[in-house]
Structure formats: C-alpha cells, structure tokens
Amino acid sequence: MGKLNIDGDINNLKFSESGLIPVVVQDVKTRDVLMLAYANEEAIRKTFETGYAHYWSRSRKKLWKKGETSGNVQKVISVYADCDRDAIIYVVEQNGKACHTGEWTCFHNKLWGEDL
C-alpha cells in the first residue's frame, strides 16, 4: 500500500462527532462503486495494518472485517482522502460480491437516468 505515516495520515482525517468517517469503496479493475460504509480510527488502522478492509458497523456497534462471514473480502490496494479529508475511498480488489444481497455492488437500485 505504499509508505505511510499512519499516525499523521489518520490524525489529519476529519471524523464526525460520533467518531466516524464515510468510506466509499471502489473496485480497482472495473472502477465500479461497490458500497458505502463507515470507519472509525480503529477500523482504518486495522485496514492499514492488515491490507484488508475493516469498517465500523453502526447497527452492531462493533468493528468488522468485510467478508469475515461471507468470504467476500476486500484487499485494499490504495486509500484516498477527499479534499476536505472528511471522506475516504478504499480502492479494493473485491473477492466475490460486495453487497450482502448477493449483488456485485450495493448500488444496483437505479432511481433515474440512462443506463451506463
């Protein structure tokens, strides 16, 4: 994942009052947006340490590794912060499908516009 100043990089992120930051997840090969999740500092550190995507489950109120039960893990290739440093992107190598419904991407419900 390249050389990081983990403490500096994480300390410069802007977490919400609840200690979370939104994480957009993008497939490295297709560039599809796979999902949106949230991470706290611990989840980001675990991601950097292991190379696999970790998030904070808002419903279960605990740290989770994507694919820990399904096997559909996400190997993180790179991590980017937006210009305000209040959102990040995990660019991942997706193993299997990203959505818990069995779809490739969580964004499979078209609301409006032309097919891409």
C-alpha atoms as a PDB file:
ATOM      1  CA  MET A   1       0.000   0.000   0.000  1.00  0.00           C
ATOM      2  CA  GLY A   2       2.993   2.301  -0.060  1.00  0.00           C
ATOM      3  CA  LYS A   3       4.851   4.001   2.745  1.00  0.00           C
ATOM      4  CA  LEU A   4       2.566   5.788   5.156  1.00  0.00           C
ATOM      5  CA  ASN A   5       2.901   7.982   8.153  1.00  0.00           C
ATOM      6  CA  ILE A   6      -0.057   6.146   9.676  1.00  0.00           C
ATOM      7  CA  ASP A   7      -0.474   8.378  12.721  1.00  0.00           C
ATOM      8  CA  GLY A   8      -0.119  11.571  10.698  1.00  0.00           C
ATOM      9  CA  ASP A   9      -2.403  10.382   7.922  1.00  0.00           C
ATOM     10  CA  ILE A  10      -5.116   9.235  10.310  1.00  0.00           C
ATOM     11  CA  ASN A  11      -4.769  12.248  12.642  1.00  0.00           C
ATOM     12  CA  ASN A  12      -5.343  14.569   9.686  1.00  0.00           C
ATOM     13  CA  LEU A  13      -8.705  13.000   8.859  1.00  0.00           C
ATOM     14  CA  LYS A  14     -11.883  14.757   9.984  1.00  0.00           C
ATOM     15  CA  PHE A  15     -14.132  12.296  11.782  1.00  0.00           C
ATOM     16  CA  SER A  16     -17.753  13.136  12.617  1.00  0.00           C
ATOM     17  CA  GLU A  17     -18.844  13.904  16.171  1.00  0.00           C
ATOM     18  CA  SER A  18     -19.614  10.190  16.520  1.00  0.00           C
ATOM     19  CA  GLY A  19     -16.022   9.355  15.535  1.00  0.00           C
ATOM     20  CA  LEU A  20     -16.847   8.006  12.069  1.00  0.00           C
ATOM     21  CA  ILE A  21     -15.849   8.848   8.522  1.00  0.00           C
ATOM     22  CA  PRO A  22     -17.675   7.704   5.364  1.00  0.00           C
ATOM     23  CA  VAL A  23     -15.782   5.212   3.203  1.00  0.00           C
ATOM     24  CA  VAL A  24     -16.631   4.874  -0.483  1.00  0.00           C
ATOM     25  CA  VAL A  25     -15.427   1.519  -1.829  1.00  0.00           C
ATOM     26  CA  GLN A  26     -14.352   1.239  -5.464  1.00  0.00           C
ATOM     27  CA  ASP A  27     -13.248  -1.833  -7.416  1.00  0.00           C
ATOM     28  CA  VAL A  28      -9.698  -1.470  -8.748  1.00  0.00           C
ATOM     29  CA  LYS A  29     -10.416  -3.274 -12.048  1.00  0.00           C
ATOM     30  CA  THR A  30     -13.902  -2.119 -13.041  1.00  0.00           C
ATOM     31  CA  ARG A  31     -13.896   1.209 -11.155  1.00  0.00           C
ATOM     32  CA  ASP A  32     -17.447   0.346 -10.039  1.00  0.00           C
ATOM     33  CA  VAL A  33     -18.553   1.937  -6.788  1.00  0.00           C
ATOM     34  CA  LEU A  34     -19.228  -1.127  -4.668  1.00  0.00           C
ATOM     35  CA  MET A  35     -20.516   0.209  -1.387  1.00  0.00           C
ATOM     36  CA  LEU A  36     -20.556   2.963   1.197  1.00  0.00           C
ATOM     37  CA  ALA A  37     -19.578   2.129   4.754  1.00  0.00           C
ATOM     38  CA  TYR A  38     -18.219   3.934   7.803  1.00  0.00           C
ATOM     39  CA  ALA A  39     -14.941   3.595   9.640  1.00  0.00           C
ATOM     40  CA  ASN A  40     -13.601   4.828  12.930  1.00  0.00           C
ATOM     41  CA  GLU A  41      -9.919   5.308  13.680  1.00  0.00           C
ATOM     42  CA  GLU A  42      -9.526   1.705  14.846  1.00  0.00           C
ATOM     43  CA  ALA A  43     -11.029   0.342  11.607  1.00  0.00           C
ATOM     44  CA  ILE A  44      -8.698   2.447   9.474  1.00  0.00           C
ATOM     45  CA  ARG A  45      -5.669   1.393  11.498  1.00  0.00           C
ATOM     46  CA  LYS A  46      -6.687  -2.267  11.145  1.00  0.00           C
ATOM     47  CA  THR A  47      -7.109  -1.753   7.387  1.00  0.00           C
ATOM     48  CA  PHE A  48      -3.630  -0.226   7.110  1.00  0.00           C
ATOM     49  CA  GLU A  49      -2.097  -2.968   9.269  1.00  0.00           C
ATOM     50  CA  THR A  50      -3.708  -5.950   7.529  1.00  0.00           C
ATOM     51  CA  GLY A  51      -4.287  -4.709   3.968  1.00  0.00           C
ATOM     52  CA  TYR A  52      -7.939  -5.809   4.169  1.00  0.00           C
ATOM     53  CA  ALA A  53     -10.963  -3.536   4.534  1.00  0.00           C
ATOM     54  CA  HIS A  54     -12.286  -3.021   8.037  1.00  0.00           C
ATOM     55  CA  TYR A  55     -15.279  -0.892   8.979  1.00  0.00           C
ATOM     56  CA  TRP A  56     -17.375   0.161  11.944  1.00  0.00           C
ATOM     57  CA  SER A  57     -20.846  -1.365  11.993  1.00  0.00           C
ATOM     58  CA  ARG A  58     -23.266   1.319  13.108  1.00  0.00           C
ATOM     59  CA  SER A  59     -26.045  -1.220  13.701  1.00  0.00           C
ATOM     60  CA  ARG A  60     -23.968  -3.796  15.599  1.00  0.00           C
ATOM     61  CA  LYS A  61     -21.703  -1.148  17.140  1.00  0.00           C
ATOM     62  CA  LYS A  62     -18.534  -3.100  16.506  1.00  0.00           C
ATOM     63  CA  LEU A  63     -15.524  -3.363  14.244  1.00  0.00           C
ATOM     64  CA  TRP A  64     -15.895  -5.764  11.308  1.00  0.00           C
ATOM     65  CA  LYS A  65     -13.725  -7.064   8.520  1.00  0.00           C
ATOM     66  CA  LYS A  66     -15.574  -7.126   5.208  1.00  0.00           C
ATOM     67  CA  GLY A  67     -16.124 -10.747   4.253  1.00  0.00           C
ATOM     68  CA  GLU A  68     -15.419 -12.204   7.693  1.00  0.00           C
ATOM     69  CA  THR A  69     -18.523 -14.395   7.402  1.00  0.00           C
ATOM     70  CA  SER A  70     -19.207 -14.426   3.633  1.00  0.00           C
ATOM     71  CA  GLY A  71     -15.624 -14.801   2.427  1.00  0.00           C
ATOM     72  CA  ASN A  72     -16.118 -11.786   0.135  1.00  0.00           C
ATOM     73  CA  VAL A  73     -13.085  -9.942   1.475  1.00  0.00           C
ATOM     74  CA  GLN A  74     -11.731  -6.701   0.090  1.00  0.00           C
ATOM     75  CA  LYS A  75      -7.967  -6.460  -0.408  1.00  0.00           C
ATOM     76  CA  VAL A  76      -7.158  -2.775  -0.181  1.00  0.00           C
ATOM     77  CA  ILE A  77      -4.919  -1.504  -2.973  1.00  0.00           C
ATOM     78  CA  SER A  78      -4.963   2.179  -2.014  1.00  0.00           C
ATOM     79  CA  VAL A  79      -6.730   4.678   0.216  1.00  0.00           C
ATOM     80  CA  TYR A  80      -7.514   8.278  -0.749  1.00  0.00           C
ATOM     81  CA  ALA A  81      -8.939  11.153   1.275  1.00  0.00           C
ATOM     82  CA  ASP A  82     -11.100  13.816  -0.316  1.00  0.00           C
ATOM     83  CA  CYS A  83     -10.020  17.474  -0.387  1.00  0.00           C
ATOM     84  CA  ASP A  84     -11.657  18.228   2.974  1.00  0.00           C
ATOM     85  CA  ARG A  85     -10.336  14.996   4.492  1.00  0.00           C
ATOM     86  CA  ASP A  86     -13.823  14.150   5.775  1.00  0.00           C
ATOM     87  CA  ALA A  87     -14.426  11.158   3.489  1.00  0.00           C
ATOM     88  CA  ILE A  88     -12.156   8.435   2.138  1.00  0.00           C
ATOM     89  CA  ILE A  89     -12.079   5.911  -0.679  1.00  0.00           C
ATOM     90  CA  TYR A  90     -10.808   2.366  -0.404  1.00  0.00           C
ATOM     91  CA  VAL A  91      -9.772   1.111  -3.833  1.00  0.00           C
ATOM     92  CA  VAL A  92     -10.067  -2.647  -3.483  1.00  0.00           C
ATOM     93  CA  GLU A  93      -9.657  -5.977  -5.146  1.00  0.00           C
ATOM     94  CA  GLN A  94     -13.101  -7.435  -4.455  1.00  0.00           C
ATOM     95  CA  ASN A  95     -13.301 -11.174  -3.796  1.00  0.00           C
ATOM     96  CA  GLY A  96     -16.852 -12.199  -4.670  1.00  0.00           C
ATOM     97  CA  LYS A  97     -19.791  -9.844  -4.424  1.00  0.00           C
ATOM     98  CA  ALA A  98     -19.741  -6.704  -2.318  1.00  0.00           C
ATOM     99  CA  CYS A  99     -23.430  -6.441  -1.394  1.00  0.00           C
ATOM    100  CA  HIS A 100     -24.998  -8.526   1.359  1.00  0.00           C
ATOM    101  CA  THR A 101     -27.958  -9.116  -1.023  1.00  0.00           C
ATOM    102  CA  GLY A 102     -25.730 -11.078  -3.400  1.00  0.00           C
ATOM    103  CA  GLU A 103     -25.344  -8.265  -5.938  1.00  0.00           C
ATOM    104  CA  TRP A 104     -21.918  -7.220  -7.228  1.00  0.00           C
ATOM    105  CA  THR A 105     -22.444  -3.665  -5.944  1.00  0.00           C
ATOM    106  CA  CYS A 106     -24.720  -2.204  -3.303  1.00  0.00           C
ATOM    107  CA  PHE A 107     -25.660   0.453  -5.880  1.00  0.00           C
ATOM    108  CA  HIS A 108     -27.903  -1.731  -8.033  1.00  0.00           C
ATOM    109  CA  ASN A 109     -31.211   0.111  -7.498  1.00  0.00           C
ATOM    110  CA  LYS A 110     -31.483   2.562 -10.405  1.00  0.00           C
ATOM    111  CA  LEU A 111     -33.551   5.609  -9.492  1.00  0.00           C
ATOM    112  CA  TRP A 112     -33.192   7.832 -12.541  1.00  0.00           C
ATOM    113  CA  GLY A 113     -31.269   8.367 -15.796  1.00  0.00           C
ATOM    114  CA  GLU A 114     -29.813   6.426 -18.640  1.00  0.00           C
ATOM    115  CA  ASP A 115     -28.175   3.025 -18.344  1.00  0.00           C
ATOM    116  CA  LEU A 116     -24.396   3.157 -18.340  1.00  0.00           C
END
